[in-house]
Amino acid sequence: MSHDLVVPQMGVVEQVLVVEWLVDDGSEVATGDPVVVVDTDKAETELEAPASGRLTVLVEASDEDEVAVGTVLATIAHQ
């Protein structure tokens, strides 16, 4: 079973930039671990792992490419 890490709704924001992954692709994470930093027009926010398991990054960090709210950034698979 796997869980998706998605860009959550944050106020009226419709798009965010993926600034930095705090853990490497393929790493083990625990529920609540900060795993990625996203940037809105107003602030940077750390998104936490929704479950424990192995992280597979689907969207790379970029200074130019915005992603929409609801986009799956990564999956976390139980071992």
C-alpha atoms as a PDB file:
ATOM      1  CA  MET A   1       0.000   0.000   0.000  1.00  0.00           C
ATOM      2  CA  SER A   2       1.228   3.505  -0.735  1.00  0.00           C
ATOM      3  CA  HIS A   3       0.268   7.029   0.258  1.00  0.00           C
ATOM      4  CA  ASP A   4       0.498  10.131  -1.912  1.00  0.00           C
ATOM      5  CA  LEU A   5       2.156  13.353  -0.796  1.00  0.00           C
ATOM      6  CA  VAL A   6       0.067  16.057  -2.466  1.00  0.00           C
ATOM      7  CA  VAL A   7       0.210  19.842  -2.584  1.00  0.00           C
ATOM      8  CA  PRO A   8      -2.470  20.859  -0.062  1.00  0.00           C
ATOM      9  CA  GLN A   9      -4.900  23.744  -0.413  1.00  0.00           C
ATOM     10  CA  MET A  10      -3.288  26.749   1.301  1.00  0.00           C
ATOM     11  CA  GLY A  11      -5.732  29.644   1.294  1.00  0.00           C
ATOM     12  CA  VAL A  12      -6.387  31.007  -2.182  1.00  0.00           C
ATOM     13  CA  VAL A  13      -3.075  29.757  -3.617  1.00  0.00           C
ATOM     14  CA  GLU A  14      -3.496  27.680  -6.770  1.00  0.00           C
ATOM     15  CA  GLN A  15       0.174  27.019  -7.651  1.00  0.00           C
ATOM     16  CA  VAL A  16       3.415  26.481  -5.695  1.00  0.00           C
ATOM     17  CA  LEU A  17       7.099  26.041  -6.475  1.00  0.00           C
ATOM     18  CA  VAL A  18       8.867  22.924  -5.187  1.00  0.00           C
ATOM     19  CA  VAL A  19      11.915  24.586  -3.626  1.00  0.00           C
ATOM     20  CA  GLU A  20      13.838  21.747  -1.964  1.00  0.00           C
ATOM     21  CA  TRP A  21      13.495  18.094  -1.049  1.00  0.00           C
ATOM     22  CA  LEU A  22      14.668  17.630   2.556  1.00  0.00           C
ATOM     23  CA  VAL A  23      15.140  13.863   2.109  1.00  0.00           C
ATOM     24  CA  ASP A  24      16.590  11.920  -0.806  1.00  0.00           C
ATOM     25  CA  ASP A  25      14.554   9.892  -3.262  1.00  0.00           C
ATOM     26  CA  GLY A  26      14.365   6.319  -1.961  1.00  0.00           C
ATOM     27  CA  SER A  27      14.877   7.305   1.678  1.00  0.00           C
ATOM     28  CA  GLU A  28      12.835   5.968   4.571  1.00  0.00           C
ATOM     29  CA  VAL A  29      10.561   8.544   6.217  1.00  0.00           C
ATOM     30  CA  ALA A  30       8.293   8.496   9.260  1.00  0.00           C
ATOM     31  CA  THR A  31       4.829   9.991   9.554  1.00  0.00           C
ATOM     32  CA  GLY A  32       5.192  13.719  10.272  1.00  0.00           C
ATOM     33  CA  ASP A  33       8.773  14.048   9.008  1.00  0.00           C
ATOM     34  CA  PRO A  34       9.300  17.250   7.006  1.00  0.00           C
ATOM     35  CA  VAL A  35      10.138  16.064   3.481  1.00  0.00           C
ATOM     36  CA  VAL A  36       9.780  18.967   1.035  1.00  0.00           C
ATOM     37  CA  VAL A  37       9.698  22.775   1.000  1.00  0.00           C
ATOM     38  CA  VAL A  38       7.193  24.525  -1.254  1.00  0.00           C
ATOM     39  CA  ASP A  39       6.927  28.258  -1.931  1.00  0.00           C
ATOM     40  CA  THR A  40       3.747  30.260  -2.389  1.00  0.00           C
ATOM     41  CA  ASP A  41       3.624  33.943  -3.247  1.00  0.00           C
ATOM     42  CA  LYS A  42       3.739  34.732   0.475  1.00  0.00           C
ATOM     43  CA  ALA A  43       5.792  32.085   2.301  1.00  0.00           C
ATOM     44  CA  GLU A  44       7.792  28.878   2.191  1.00  0.00           C
ATOM     45  CA  THR A  45       6.129  25.860   3.823  1.00  0.00           C
ATOM     46  CA  GLU A  46       7.468  22.438   4.793  1.00  0.00           C
ATOM     47  CA  LEU A  47       5.182  19.547   3.869  1.00  0.00           C
ATOM     48  CA  GLU A  48       5.247  16.480   6.111  1.00  0.00           C
ATOM     49  CA  ALA A  49       5.125  12.789   5.257  1.00  0.00           C
ATOM     50  CA  PRO A  50       1.537  11.524   5.571  1.00  0.00           C
ATOM     51  CA  ALA A  51       2.775   7.996   6.367  1.00  0.00           C
ATOM     52  CA  SER A  52       5.906   5.985   7.121  1.00  0.00           C
ATOM     53  CA  GLY A  53       7.781   4.137   4.382  1.00  0.00           C
ATOM     54  CA  ARG A  54      10.058   4.617   1.363  1.00  0.00           C
ATOM     55  CA  LEU A  55       9.740   7.965  -0.447  1.00  0.00           C
ATOM     56  CA  THR A  56       9.623   8.062  -4.245  1.00  0.00           C
ATOM     57  CA  VAL A  57       9.919  11.602  -5.626  1.00  0.00           C
ATOM     58  CA  LEU A  58       7.696  12.324  -8.650  1.00  0.00           C
ATOM     59  CA  VAL A  59       8.254  16.105  -9.021  1.00  0.00           C
ATOM     60  CA  GLU A  60      11.781  17.512  -8.856  1.00  0.00           C
ATOM     61  CA  ALA A  61      12.632  20.841  -7.218  1.00  0.00           C
ATOM     62  CA  SER A  62      12.740  23.749  -9.663  1.00  0.00           C
ATOM     63  CA  ASP A  63      13.132  27.514  -9.573  1.00  0.00           C
ATOM     64  CA  GLU A  64      10.787  27.969 -12.534  1.00  0.00           C
ATOM     65  CA  ASP A  65       8.128  25.264 -12.775  1.00  0.00           C
ATOM     66  CA  GLU A  66       5.026  25.776 -10.655  1.00  0.00           C
ATOM     67  CA  VAL A  67       2.738  22.875  -9.768  1.00  0.00           C
ATOM     68  CA  ALA A  68      -0.963  23.028  -8.995  1.00  0.00           C
ATOM     69  CA  VAL A  69      -2.673  22.397  -5.676  1.00  0.00           C
ATOM     70  CA  GLY A  70      -3.599  18.707  -5.619  1.00  0.00           C
ATOM     71  CA  THR A  71      -0.503  17.600  -7.574  1.00  0.00           C
ATOM     72  CA  VAL A  72       1.071  14.376  -6.295  1.00  0.00           C
ATOM     73  CA  LEU A  73       4.685  15.268  -5.447  1.00  0.00           C
ATOM     74  CA  ALA A  74       5.767  11.860  -4.176  1.00  0.00           C
ATOM     75  CA  THR A  75       4.528   8.484  -3.044  1.00  0.00           C
ATOM     76  CA  ILE A  76       5.380   6.714   0.190  1.00  0.00           C
ATOM     77  CA  ALA A  77       5.277   2.912   0.052  1.00  0.00           C
ATOM     78  CA  HIS A  78       5.060   0.722   3.122  1.00  0.00           C
ATOM     79  CA  GLN A  79       7.828  -1.859   3.364  1.00  0.00           C
END
